[in-house]
PDB file of all heavy atoms in Angstrom:
ATOM      1  N   GLY A   1     105.109 112.042  66.895  1.00  0.00           N
ATOM      2  CA  GLY A   1     106.300 111.290  67.268  1.00  0.00           C
ATOM      3  C   GLY A   1     106.008 110.173  68.249  1.00  0.00           C
ATOM      4  O   GLY A   1     104.860 109.925  68.620  1.00  0.00           O
ATOM      5  N   SER A   2     107.083 109.523  68.685  1.00  0.00           N
ATOM      6  CA  SER A   2     106.974 108.360  69.565  1.00  0.00           C
ATOM      7  C   SER A   2     107.946 108.469  70.732  1.00  0.00           C
ATOM      8  O   SER A   2     108.997 109.114  70.622  1.00  0.00           O
ATOM      9  CB  SER A   2     107.291 107.074  68.786  1.00  0.00           C
ATOM     10  OG  SER A   2     106.388 106.890  67.723  1.00  0.00           O
ATOM     11  N   LEU A   3     107.573 107.824  71.807  1.00  0.00           N
ATOM     12  CA  LEU A   3     108.451 107.681  72.967  1.00  0.00           C
ATOM     13  C   LEU A   3     108.209 106.302  73.568  1.00  0.00           C
ATOM     14  O   LEU A   3     107.117 105.740  73.429  1.00  0.00           O
ATOM     15  CB  LEU A   3     108.169 108.739  74.036  1.00  0.00           C
ATOM     16  CG  LEU A   3     108.678 110.163  73.823  1.00  0.00           C
ATOM     17  CD1 LEU A   3     108.142 111.068  74.932  1.00  0.00           C
ATOM     18  CD2 LEU A   3     110.195 110.210  73.783  1.00  0.00           C
ATOM     19  N   ARG A   4     109.216 105.809  74.270  1.00  0.00           N
ATOM     20  CA  ARG A   4     109.045 104.588  75.052  1.00  0.00           C
ATOM     21  C   ARG A   4     109.410 104.884  76.497  1.00  0.00           C
ATOM     22  O   ARG A   4     110.541 105.256  76.797  1.00  0.00           O
ATOM     23  CB  ARG A   4     109.918 103.446  74.533  1.00  0.00           C
ATOM     24  CG  ARG A   4     109.603 102.119  75.235  1.00  0.00           C
ATOM     25  CD  ARG A   4     110.539 101.009  74.819  1.00  0.00           C
ATOM     26  NE  ARG A   4     111.858 101.152  75.440  1.00  0.00           N
ATOM     27  CZ  ARG A   4     112.780 100.186  75.437  1.00  0.00           C
ATOM     28  NH1 ARG A   4     112.528  99.018  74.855  1.00  0.00           N
ATOM     29  NH2 ARG A   4     113.957 100.387  75.999  1.00  0.00           N
ATOM     30  N   LEU A   5     108.430 104.724  77.366  1.00  0.00           N
ATOM     31  CA  LEU A   5     108.662 104.892  78.789  1.00  0.00           C
ATOM     32  C   LEU A   5     109.005 103.539  79.404  1.00  0.00           C
ATOM     33  O   LEU A   5     108.467 102.506  78.991  1.00  0.00           O
ATOM     34  CB  LEU A   5     107.422 105.464  79.471  1.00  0.00           C
ATOM     35  CG  LEU A   5     106.887 106.786  78.923  1.00  0.00           C
ATOM     36  CD1 LEU A   5     105.712 107.249  79.785  1.00  0.00           C
ATOM     37  CD2 LEU A   5     107.952 107.841  78.844  1.00  0.00           C
ATOM     38  N   SER A   6     109.870 103.580  80.399  1.00  0.00           N
ATOM     39  CA  SER A   6     110.254 102.376  81.127  1.00  0.00           C
ATOM     40  C   SER A   6     109.923 102.548  82.602  1.00  0.00           C
ATOM     41  O   SER A   6     110.043 103.647  83.152  1.00  0.00           O
ATOM     42  CB  SER A   6     111.748 102.097  80.976  1.00  0.00           C
ATOM     43  OG  SER A   6     112.096 101.893  79.634  1.00  0.00           O
ATOM     44  N   CYS A   7     109.527 101.448  83.220  1.00  0.00           N
ATOM     45  CA  CYS A   7     109.258 101.416  84.657  1.00  0.00           C
ATOM     46  C   CYS A   7     110.063 100.257  85.228  1.00  0.00           C
ATOM     47  O   CYS A   7     109.698  99.093  85.040  1.00  0.00           O
ATOM     48  CB  CYS A   7     107.769 101.228  84.905  1.00  0.00           C
ATOM     49  SG  CYS A   7     107.319 100.966  86.638  1.00  0.00           S
ATOM     50  N   ALA A   8     111.164 100.579  85.877  1.00  0.00           N
ATOM     51  CA  ALA A   8     112.052  99.554  86.425  1.00  0.00           C
ATOM     52  C   ALA A   8     111.709  99.296  87.880  1.00  0.00           C
ATOM     53  O   ALA A   8     111.581 100.243  88.668  1.00  0.00           O
ATOM     54  CB  ALA A   8     113.499  99.996  86.291  1.00  0.00           C
ATOM     55  N   ALA A   9     111.568  98.029  88.220  1.00  0.00           N
ATOM     56  CA  ALA A   9     111.205  97.643  89.581  1.00  0.00           C
ATOM     57  C   ALA A   9     112.399  97.053  90.301  1.00  0.00           C
ATOM     58  O   ALA A   9     113.222  96.348  89.714  1.00  0.00           O
ATOM     59  CB  ALA A   9     110.066  96.629  89.556  1.00  0.00           C
ATOM     60  N   SER A  10     112.482  97.339  91.590  1.00  0.00           N
ATOM     61  CA  SER A  10     113.497  96.735  92.448  1.00  0.00           C
ATOM     62  C   SER A  10     112.844  96.425  93.791  1.00  0.00           C
ATOM     63  O   SER A  10     111.762  96.919  94.095  1.00  0.00           O
ATOM     64  CB  SER A  10     114.701  97.658  92.615  1.00  0.00           C
ATOM     65  OG  SER A  10     114.306  98.892  93.189  1.00  0.00           O
ATOM     66  N   GLY A  11     113.502  95.602  94.579  1.00  0.00           N
ATOM     67  CA  GLY A  11     112.919  95.188  95.852  1.00  0.00           C
ATOM     68  C   GLY A  11     112.347  93.797  95.704  1.00  0.00           C
ATOM     69  O   GLY A  11     112.998  92.902  95.183  1.00  0.00           O
ATOM     70  N   HIS A  12     111.095  93.607  96.139  1.00  0.00           N
ATOM     71  CA  HIS A  12     110.455  92.292  96.071  1.00  0.00           C
ATOM     72  C   HIS A  12     109.935  92.012  94.670  1.00  0.00           C
ATOM     73  O   HIS A  12     108.733  91.889  94.439  1.00  0.00           O
ATOM     74  CB  HIS A  12     109.324  92.195  97.082  1.00  0.00           C
ATOM     75  CG  HIS A  12     109.810  92.016  98.477  1.00  0.00           C
ATOM     76  ND1 HIS A  12     110.390  90.850  98.931  1.00  0.00           N
ATOM     77  CD2 HIS A  12     109.831  92.872  99.525  1.00  0.00           C
ATOM     78  CE1 HIS A  12     110.727  90.987 100.195  1.00  0.00           C
ATOM     79  NE2 HIS A  12     110.409  92.205 100.587  1.00  0.00           N
ATOM     80  N   THR A  13     110.832  91.920  93.714  1.00  0.00           N
ATOM     81  CA  THR A  13     110.426  91.715  92.322  1.00  0.00           C
ATOM     82  C   THR A  13     110.167  90.251  92.011  1.00  0.00           C
ATOM     83  O   THR A  13     109.796  89.916  90.895  1.00  0.00           O
ATOM     84  CB  THR A  13     111.490  92.261  91.378  1.00  0.00           C
ATOM     85  OG1 THR A  13     112.734  91.640  91.677  1.00  0.00           O
ATOM     86  CG2 THR A  13     111.611  93.770  91.507  1.00  0.00           C
ATOM     87  N   ASP A  14     110.362  89.369  92.988  1.00  0.00           N
ATOM     88  CA  ASP A  14     110.013  87.973  92.751  1.00  0.00           C
ATOM     89  C   ASP A  14     108.506  87.785  92.790  1.00  0.00           C
ATOM     90  O   ASP A  14     107.996  86.755  92.339  1.00  0.00           O
ATOM     91  CB  ASP A  14     110.672  87.081  93.804  1.00  0.00           C
ATOM     92  CG  ASP A  14     110.323  87.504  95.225  1.00  0.00           C
ATOM     93  OD1 ASP A  14     110.231  88.728  95.482  1.00  0.00           O
ATOM     94  OD2 ASP A  14     110.134  86.611  96.062  1.00  0.00           O
ATOM     95  N   ILE A  15     107.797  88.743  93.314  1.00  0.00           N
ATOM     96  CA  ILE A  15     106.345  88.714  93.329  1.00  0.00           C
ATOM     97  C   ILE A  15     105.852  89.530  92.145  1.00  0.00           C
ATOM     98  O   ILE A  15     106.173  90.690  92.004  1.00  0.00           O
ATOM     99  CB  ILE A  15     105.785  89.302  94.640  1.00  0.00           C
ATOM    100  CG1 ILE A  15     106.307  88.492  95.821  1.00  0.00           C
ATOM    101  CG2 ILE A  15     104.266  89.308  94.600  1.00  0.00           C
ATOM    102  CD1 ILE A  15     105.950  89.079  97.151  1.00  0.00           C
ATOM    103  N   ARG A  16     105.084  88.920  91.277  1.00  0.00           N
ATOM    104  CA  ARG A  16     104.618  89.599  90.080  1.00  0.00           C
ATOM    105  C   ARG A  16     103.331  90.351  90.387  1.00  0.00           C
ATOM    106  O   ARG A  16     102.344  89.768  90.794  1.00  0.00           O
ATOM    107  CB  ARG A  16     104.378  88.589  88.952  1.00  0.00           C
ATOM    108  CG  ARG A  16     105.599  87.786  88.578  1.00  0.00           C
ATOM    109  CD  ARG A  16     106.688  88.674  88.011  1.00  0.00           C
ATOM    110  NE  ARG A  16     107.888  87.885  87.687  1.00  0.00           N
ATOM    111  CZ  ARG A  16     109.128  88.301  87.910  1.00  0.00           C
ATOM    112  NH1 ARG A  16     109.337  89.470  88.463  1.00  0.00           N
ATOM    113  NH2 ARG A  16     110.151  87.531  87.574  1.00  0.00           N
ATOM    114  N   TYR A  17     103.365  91.652  90.186  1.00  0.00           N
ATOM    115  CA  TYR A  17     102.198  92.485  90.390  1.00  0.00           C
ATOM    116  C   TYR A  17     101.679  92.983  89.049  1.00  0.00           C
ATOM    117  O   TYR A  17     102.450  93.149  88.103  1.00  0.00           O
ATOM    118  CB  TYR A  17     102.561  93.709  91.227  1.00  0.00           C
ATOM    119  CG  TYR A  17     103.048  93.405  92.613  1.00  0.00           C
ATOM    120  CD1 TYR A  17     104.383  93.582  92.949  1.00  0.00           C
ATOM    121  CD2 TYR A  17     102.178  92.961  93.597  1.00  0.00           C
ATOM    122  CE1 TYR A  17     104.842  93.319  94.229  1.00  0.00           C
ATOM    123  CE2 TYR A  17     102.626  92.691  94.879  1.00  0.00           C
ATOM    124  CZ  TYR A  17     103.955  92.885  95.182  1.00  0.00           C
ATOM    125  OH  TYR A  17     104.409  92.626  96.441  1.00  0.00           O
ATOM    126  N   PRO A  18     100.403  93.287  88.970  1.00  0.00           N
ATOM    127  CA  PRO A  18      99.941  94.050  87.811  1.00  0.00           C
ATOM    128  C   PRO A  18     100.516  95.466  87.918  1.00  0.00           C
ATOM    129  O   PRO A  18     100.666  96.007  89.008  1.00  0.00           O
ATOM    130  CB  PRO A  18      98.417  94.054  87.954  1.00  0.00           C
ATOM    131  CG  PRO A  18      98.173  93.839  89.402  1.00  0.00           C
ATOM    132  CD  PRO A  18      99.302  92.978  89.890  1.00  0.00           C
ATOM    133  N   VAL A  19     100.859  96.026  86.788  1.00  0.00           N
ATOM    134  CA  VAL A  19     101.460  97.363  86.738  1.00  0.00           C
ATOM    135  C   VAL A  19     100.649  98.242  85.802  1.00  0.00           C
ATOM    136  O   VAL A  19     100.263  97.816  84.704  1.00  0.00           O
ATOM    137  CB  VAL A  19     102.923  97.296  86.263  1.00  0.00           C
ATOM    138  CG1 VAL A  19     103.497  98.713  86.093  1.00  0.00           C
ATOM    139  CG2 VAL A  19     103.767  96.509  87.258  1.00  0.00           C
ATOM    140  N   ALA A  20     100.396  99.437  86.241  1.00  0.00           N
ATOM    141  CA  ALA A  20      99.625 100.386  85.433  1.00  0.00           C
ATOM    142  C   ALA A  20     100.420 101.658  85.213  1.00  0.00           C
ATOM    143  O   ALA A  20     101.326 101.998  85.988  1.00  0.00           O
ATOM    144  CB  ALA A  20      98.301 100.719  86.119  1.00  0.00           C
ATOM    145  N   TRP A  21     100.077 102.345  84.135  1.00  0.00           N
ATOM    146  CA  TRP A  21     100.576 103.693  83.889  1.00  0.00           C
ATOM    147  C   TRP A  21      99.418 104.664  84.093  1.00  0.00           C
ATOM    148  O   TRP A  21      98.305 104.418  83.619  1.00  0.00           O
ATOM    149  CB  TRP A  21     101.116 103.831  82.476  1.00  0.00           C
ATOM    150  CG  TRP A  21     102.436 103.155  82.263  1.00  0.00           C
ATOM    151  CD1 TRP A  21     102.648 101.893  81.804  1.00  0.00           C
ATOM    152  CD2 TRP A  21     103.734 103.718  82.496  1.00  0.00           C
ATOM    153  NE1 TRP A  21     103.992 101.630  81.743  1.00  0.00           N
ATOM    154  CE2 TRP A  21     104.686 102.736  82.151  1.00  0.00           C
ATOM    155  CE3 TRP A  21     104.187 104.954  82.944  1.00  0.00           C
ATOM    156  CZ2 TRP A  21     106.054 102.954  82.246  1.00  0.00           C
ATOM    157  CZ3 TRP A  21     105.548 105.173  83.047  1.00  0.00           C
ATOM    158  CH2 TRP A  21     106.467 104.176  82.714  1.00  0.00           C
ATOM    159  N   PHE A  22      99.715 105.738  84.784  1.00  0.00           N
ATOM    160  CA  PHE A  22      98.784 106.843  84.958  1.00  0.00           C
ATOM    161  C   PHE A  22      99.470 108.107  84.436  1.00  0.00           C
ATOM    162  O   PHE A  22     100.684 108.158  84.306  1.00  0.00           O
ATOM    163  CB  PHE A  22      98.432 107.040  86.433  1.00  0.00           C
ATOM    164  CG  PHE A  22      97.601 105.928  87.016  1.00  0.00           C
ATOM    165  CD1 PHE A  22      98.191 104.739  87.438  1.00  0.00           C
ATOM    166  CD2 PHE A  22      96.229 106.059  87.152  1.00  0.00           C
ATOM    167  CE1 PHE A  22      97.443 103.711  87.975  1.00  0.00           C
ATOM    168  CE2 PHE A  22      95.457 105.043  87.686  1.00  0.00           C
ATOM    169  CZ  PHE A  22      96.067 103.867  88.101  1.00  0.00           C
ATOM    170  N   ARG A  23      98.688 109.132  84.196  1.00  0.00           N
ATOM    171  CA  ARG A  23      99.266 110.417  83.832  1.00  0.00           C
ATOM    172  C   ARG A  23      98.499 111.536  84.511  1.00  0.00           C
ATOM    173  O   ARG A  23      97.311 111.400  84.814  1.00  0.00           O
ATOM    174  CB  ARG A  23      99.292 110.615  82.319  1.00  0.00           C
ATOM    175  CG  ARG A  23      97.937 110.628  81.621  1.00  0.00           C
ATOM    176  CD  ARG A  23      98.149 110.658  80.111  1.00  0.00           C
ATOM    177  NE  ARG A  23      96.885 110.635  79.375  1.00  0.00           N
ATOM    178  CZ  ARG A  23      96.801 110.556  78.053  1.00  0.00           C
ATOM    179  NH1 ARG A  23      97.917 110.480  77.318  1.00  0.00           N
ATOM    180  NH2 ARG A  23      95.625 110.549  77.454  1.00  0.00           N
ATOM    181  N   GLN A  24      99.228 112.608  84.740  1.00  0.00           N
ATOM    182  CA  GLN A  24      98.636 113.741  85.431  1.00  0.00           C
ATOM    183  C   GLN A  24      99.117 115.023  84.796  1.00  0.00           C
ATOM    184  O   GLN A  24     100.311 115.347  84.852  1.00  0.00           O
ATOM    185  CB  GLN A  24      99.009 113.715  86.917  1.00  0.00           C
ATOM    186  CG  GLN A  24      98.323 114.772  87.748  1.00  0.00           C
ATOM    187  CD  GLN A  24      98.508 114.531  89.237  1.00  0.00           C
ATOM    188  OE1 GLN A  24      99.406 113.809  89.660  1.00  0.00           O
ATOM    189  NE2 GLN A  24      97.635 115.132  90.039  1.00  0.00           N
ATOM    190  N   GLY A  25      98.176 115.733  84.159  1.00  0.00           N
ATOM    191  CA  GLY A  25      98.479 117.030  83.595  1.00  0.00           C
ATOM    192  C   GLY A  25      98.315 118.110  84.644  1.00  0.00           C
ATOM    193  O   GLY A  25      97.670 117.900  85.666  1.00  0.00           O
ATOM    194  N   ALA A  26      98.880 119.278  84.391  1.00  0.00           N
ATOM    195  CA  ALA A  26      98.801 120.384  85.338  1.00  0.00           C
ATOM    196  C   ALA A  26      97.335 120.734  85.613  1.00  0.00           C
ATOM    197  O   ALA A  26      96.561 120.984  84.687  1.00  0.00           O
ATOM    198  CB  ALA A  26      99.536 121.591  84.793  1.00  0.00           C
ATOM    199  N   GLY A  27      96.956 120.716  86.894  1.00  0.00           N
ATOM    200  CA  GLY A  27      95.606 121.071  87.271  1.00  0.00           C
ATOM    201  C   GLY A  27      94.593 119.954  87.136  1.00  0.00           C
ATOM    202  O   GLY A  27      93.397 120.175  87.351  1.00  0.00           O
ATOM    203  N   PHE A  28      95.062 118.753  86.805  1.00  0.00           N
ATOM    204  CA  PHE A  28      94.153 117.630  86.630  1.00  0.00           C
ATOM    205  C   PHE A  28      94.481 116.528  87.628  1.00  0.00           C
ATOM    206  O   PHE A  28      95.580 116.450  88.168  1.00  0.00           O
ATOM    207  CB  PHE A  28      94.247 117.072  85.208  1.00  0.00           C
ATOM    208  CG  PHE A  28      93.706 118.002  84.155  1.00  0.00           C
ATOM    209  CD1 PHE A  28      94.537 118.922  83.539  1.00  0.00           C
ATOM    210  CD2 PHE A  28      92.369 117.963  83.795  1.00  0.00           C
ATOM    211  CE1 PHE A  28      94.044 119.783  82.573  1.00  0.00           C
ATOM    212  CE2 PHE A  28      91.869 118.819  82.827  1.00  0.00           C
ATOM    213  CZ  PHE A  28      92.711 119.736  82.222  1.00  0.00           C
ATOM    214  N   GLU A  29      93.517 115.656  87.841  1.00  0.00           N
ATOM    215  CA  GLU A  29      93.759 114.503  88.700  1.00  0.00           C
ATOM    216  C   GLU A  29      94.550 113.463  87.927  1.00  0.00           C
ATOM    217  O   GLU A  29      94.644 113.510  86.694  1.00  0.00           O
ATOM    218  CB  GLU A  29      92.429 113.906  89.159  1.00  0.00           C
ATOM    219  CG  GLU A  29      91.581 113.367  88.030  1.00  0.00           C
ATOM    220  CD  GLU A  29      90.236 112.832  88.517  1.00  0.00           C
ATOM    221  OE1 GLU A  29      89.905 113.044  89.692  1.00  0.00           O
ATOM    222  OE2 GLU A  29      89.542 112.198  87.711  1.00  0.00           O
ATOM    223  N   ARG A  30      95.119 112.519  88.661  1.00  0.00           N
ATOM    224  CA  ARG A  30      95.878 111.450  88.045  1.00  0.00           C
ATOM    225  C   ARG A  30      94.904 110.481  87.361  1.00  0.00           C
ATOM    226  O   ARG A  30      93.966 109.985  87.990  1.00  0.00           O
ATOM    227  CB  ARG A  30      96.706 110.738  89.103  1.00  0.00           C
ATOM    228  CG  ARG A  30      97.855 109.927  88.569  1.00  0.00           C
ATOM    229  CD  ARG A  30      98.816 109.568  89.681  1.00  0.00           C
ATOM    230  NE  ARG A  30      99.488 110.754  90.219  1.00  0.00           N
ATOM    231  CZ  ARG A  30     100.490 110.695  91.094  1.00  0.00           C
ATOM    232  NH1 ARG A  30     100.926 109.503  91.520  1.00  0.00           N
ATOM    233  NH2 ARG A  30     101.053 111.796  91.551  1.00  0.00           N
ATOM    234  N   ARG A  31      95.172 110.177  86.084  1.00  0.00           N
ATOM    235  CA  ARG A  31      94.215 109.387  85.295  1.00  0.00           C
ATOM    236  C   ARG A  31      94.869 108.123  84.748  1.00  0.00           C
ATOM    237  O   ARG A  31      96.039 108.134  84.356  1.00  0.00           O
ATOM    238  CB  ARG A  31      93.664 110.222  84.145  1.00  0.00           C
ATOM    239  CG  ARG A  31      92.855 111.417  84.609  1.00  0.00           C
ATOM    240  CD  ARG A  31      92.346 112.250  83.461  1.00  0.00           C
ATOM    241  NE  ARG A  31      91.534 113.373  83.915  1.00  0.00           N
ATOM    242  CZ  ARG A  31      91.024 114.285  83.118  1.00  0.00           C
ATOM    243  NH1 ARG A  31      91.235 114.229  81.820  1.00  0.00           N
ATOM    244  NH2 ARG A  31      90.291 115.261  83.617  1.00  0.00           N
ATOM    245  N   PHE A  32      94.080 107.080  84.675  1.00  0.00           N
ATOM    246  CA  PHE A  32      94.541 105.786  84.175  1.00  0.00           C
ATOM    247  C   PHE A  32      94.866 105.864  82.691  1.00  0.00           C
ATOM    248  O   PHE A  32      94.130 106.482  81.917  1.00  0.00           O
ATOM    249  CB  PHE A  32      93.452 104.740  84.416  1.00  0.00           C
ATOM    250  CG  PHE A  32      93.708 103.431  83.746  1.00  0.00           C
ATOM    251  CD1 PHE A  32      94.612 102.536  84.269  1.00  0.00           C
ATOM    252  CD2 PHE A  32      93.045 103.100  82.574  1.00  0.00           C
ATOM    253  CE1 PHE A  32      94.857 101.326  83.642  1.00  0.00           C
ATOM    254  CE2 PHE A  32      93.269 101.897  81.942  1.00  0.00           C
ATOM    255  CZ  PHE A  32      94.178 101.001  82.481  1.00  0.00           C
ATOM    256  N   VAL A  33      95.954 105.201  82.311  1.00  0.00           N
ATOM    257  CA  VAL A  33      96.341 105.137  80.904  1.00  0.00           C
ATOM    258  C   VAL A  33      96.320 103.697  80.396  1.00  0.00           C
ATOM    259  O   VAL A  33      95.674 103.383  79.404  1.00  0.00           O
ATOM    260  CB  VAL A  33      97.746 105.732  80.686  1.00  0.00           C
ATOM    261  CG1 VAL A  33      98.179 105.572  79.224  1.00  0.00           C
ATOM    262  CG2 VAL A  33      97.788 107.192  81.105  1.00  0.00           C
ATOM    263  N   ALA A  34      97.049 102.811  81.082  1.00  0.00           N
ATOM    264  CA  ALA A  34      97.165 101.426  80.618  1.00  0.00           C
ATOM    265  C   ALA A  34      97.538 100.538  81.793  1.00  0.00           C
ATOM    266  O   ALA A  34      98.117 101.003  82.781  1.00  0.00           O
ATOM    267  CB  ALA A  34      98.217 101.316  79.511  1.00  0.00           C
ATOM    268  N   LEU A  35      97.199  99.254  81.641  1.00  0.00           N
ATOM    269  CA  LEU A  35      97.466  98.268  82.697  1.00  0.00           C
ATOM    270  C   LEU A  35      97.893  96.964  82.054  1.00  0.00           C
ATOM    271  O   LEU A  35      97.337  96.574  81.009  1.00  0.00           O
ATOM    272  CB  LEU A  35      96.195  98.055  83.519  1.00  0.00           C
ATOM    273  CG  LEU A  35      96.099  96.809  84.407  1.00  0.00           C
ATOM    274  CD1 LEU A  35      97.084  96.904  85.557  1.00  0.00           C
ATOM    275  CD2 LEU A  35      94.688  96.629  84.931  1.00  0.00           C
ATOM    276  N   ILE A  36      98.843  96.284  82.687  1.00  0.00           N
ATOM    277  CA  ILE A  36      99.216  94.947  82.251  1.00  0.00           C
ATOM    278  C   ILE A  36      99.118  94.017  83.455  1.00  0.00           C
ATOM    279  O   ILE A  36      99.587  94.340  84.545  1.00  0.00           O
ATOM    280  CB  ILE A  36     100.614  94.924  81.605  1.00  0.00           C
ATOM    281  CG1 ILE A  36     100.901  93.564  80.977  1.00  0.00           C
ATOM    282  CG2 ILE A  36     101.709  95.322  82.603  1.00  0.00           C
ATOM    283  CD1 ILE A  36     102.063  93.584  79.993  1.00  0.00           C
ATOM    284  N   GLY A  37      98.488  92.864  83.240  1.00  0.00           N
ATOM    285  CA  GLY A  37      98.302  91.912  84.314  1.00  0.00           C
ATOM    286  C   GLY A  37      99.607  91.241  84.725  1.00  0.00           C
ATOM    287  O   GLY A  37     100.637  91.373  84.062  1.00  0.00           O
ATOM    288  N   LYS A  38      99.547  90.488  85.823  1.00  0.00           N
ATOM    289  CA  LYS A  38     100.760  89.925  86.388  1.00  0.00           C
ATOM    290  C   LYS A  38     101.445  88.928  85.478  1.00  0.00           C
ATOM    291  O   LYS A  38     102.651  88.703  85.598  1.00  0.00           O
ATOM    292  CB  LYS A  38     100.460  89.287  87.734  1.00  0.00           C
ATOM    293  CG  LYS A  38      99.455  88.154  87.671  1.00  0.00           C
ATOM    294  CD  LYS A  38      99.047  87.674  89.057  1.00  0.00           C
ATOM    295  CE  LYS A  38     100.183  87.105  89.836  1.00  0.00           C
ATOM    296  NZ  LYS A  38      99.762  86.594  91.143  1.00  0.00           N
ATOM    297  N   THR A  39     100.712  88.303  84.542  1.00  0.00           N
ATOM    298  CA  THR A  39     101.339  87.348  83.627  1.00  0.00           C
ATOM    299  C   THR A  39     101.759  87.983  82.312  1.00  0.00           C
ATOM    300  O   THR A  39     102.439  87.348  81.516  1.00  0.00           O
ATOM    301  CB  THR A  39     100.391  86.191  83.308  1.00  0.00           C
ATOM    302  OG1 THR A  39      99.266  86.709  82.602  1.00  0.00           O
ATOM    303  CG2 THR A  39      99.934  85.480  84.578  1.00  0.00           C
ATOM    304  N   GLY A  40     101.345  89.213  82.084  1.00  0.00           N
ATOM    305  CA  GLY A  40     101.702  89.887  80.854  1.00  0.00           C
ATOM    306  C   GLY A  40     100.762  89.618  79.695  1.00  0.00           C
ATOM    307  O   GLY A  40     100.929  90.181  78.612  1.00  0.00           O
ATOM    308  N   VAL A  41      99.761  88.770  79.910  1.00  0.00           N
ATOM    309  CA  VAL A  41      98.833  88.418  78.826  1.00  0.00           C
ATOM    310  C   VAL A  41      97.709  89.443  78.697  1.00  0.00           C
ATOM    311  O   VAL A  41      97.326  89.839  77.607  1.00  0.00           O
ATOM    312  CB  VAL A  41      98.245  87.019  79.058  1.00  0.00           C
ATOM    313  CG1 VAL A  41      97.157  86.713  78.037  1.00  0.00           C
ATOM    314  CG2 VAL A  41      99.354  85.974  79.012  1.00  0.00           C
ATOM    315  N   ASN A  42      97.184  89.875  79.826  1.00  0.00           N
ATOM    316  CA  ASN A  42      96.036  90.782  79.832  1.00  0.00           C
ATOM    317  C   ASN A  42      96.496  92.233  79.862  1.00  0.00           C
ATOM    318  O   ASN A  42      97.322  92.619  80.692  1.00  0.00           O
ATOM    319  CB  ASN A  42      95.173  90.503  81.058  1.00  0.00           C
ATOM    320  CG  ASN A  42      94.687  89.069  81.094  1.00  0.00           C
ATOM    321  OD1 ASN A  42      95.438  88.168  81.432  1.00  0.00           O
ATOM    322  ND2 ASN A  42      93.443  88.868  80.714  1.00  0.00           N
ATOM    323  N   THR A  43      95.935  93.029  78.959  1.00  0.00           N
ATOM    324  CA  THR A  43      96.240  94.455  78.926  1.00  0.00           C
ATOM    325  C   THR A  43      94.941  95.245  78.800  1.00  0.00           C
ATOM    326  O   THR A  43      93.949  94.764  78.245  1.00  0.00           O
ATOM    327  CB  THR A  43      97.157  94.814  77.749  1.00  0.00           C
ATOM    328  OG1 THR A  43      96.538  94.413  76.515  1.00  0.00           O
ATOM    329  CG2 THR A  43      98.516  94.136  77.879  1.00  0.00           C
TER     330      THR A  43
END
């Protein structure tokens, strides 16, 4: 199946930051999943 996760930002959103998704399973460290650069071009 499929899901779409959303990450909504508030506060100083006029400054564009790179945003990443991490995931953490039970008993595991937090691990990198995906990253998008500040312009949205680089992933």
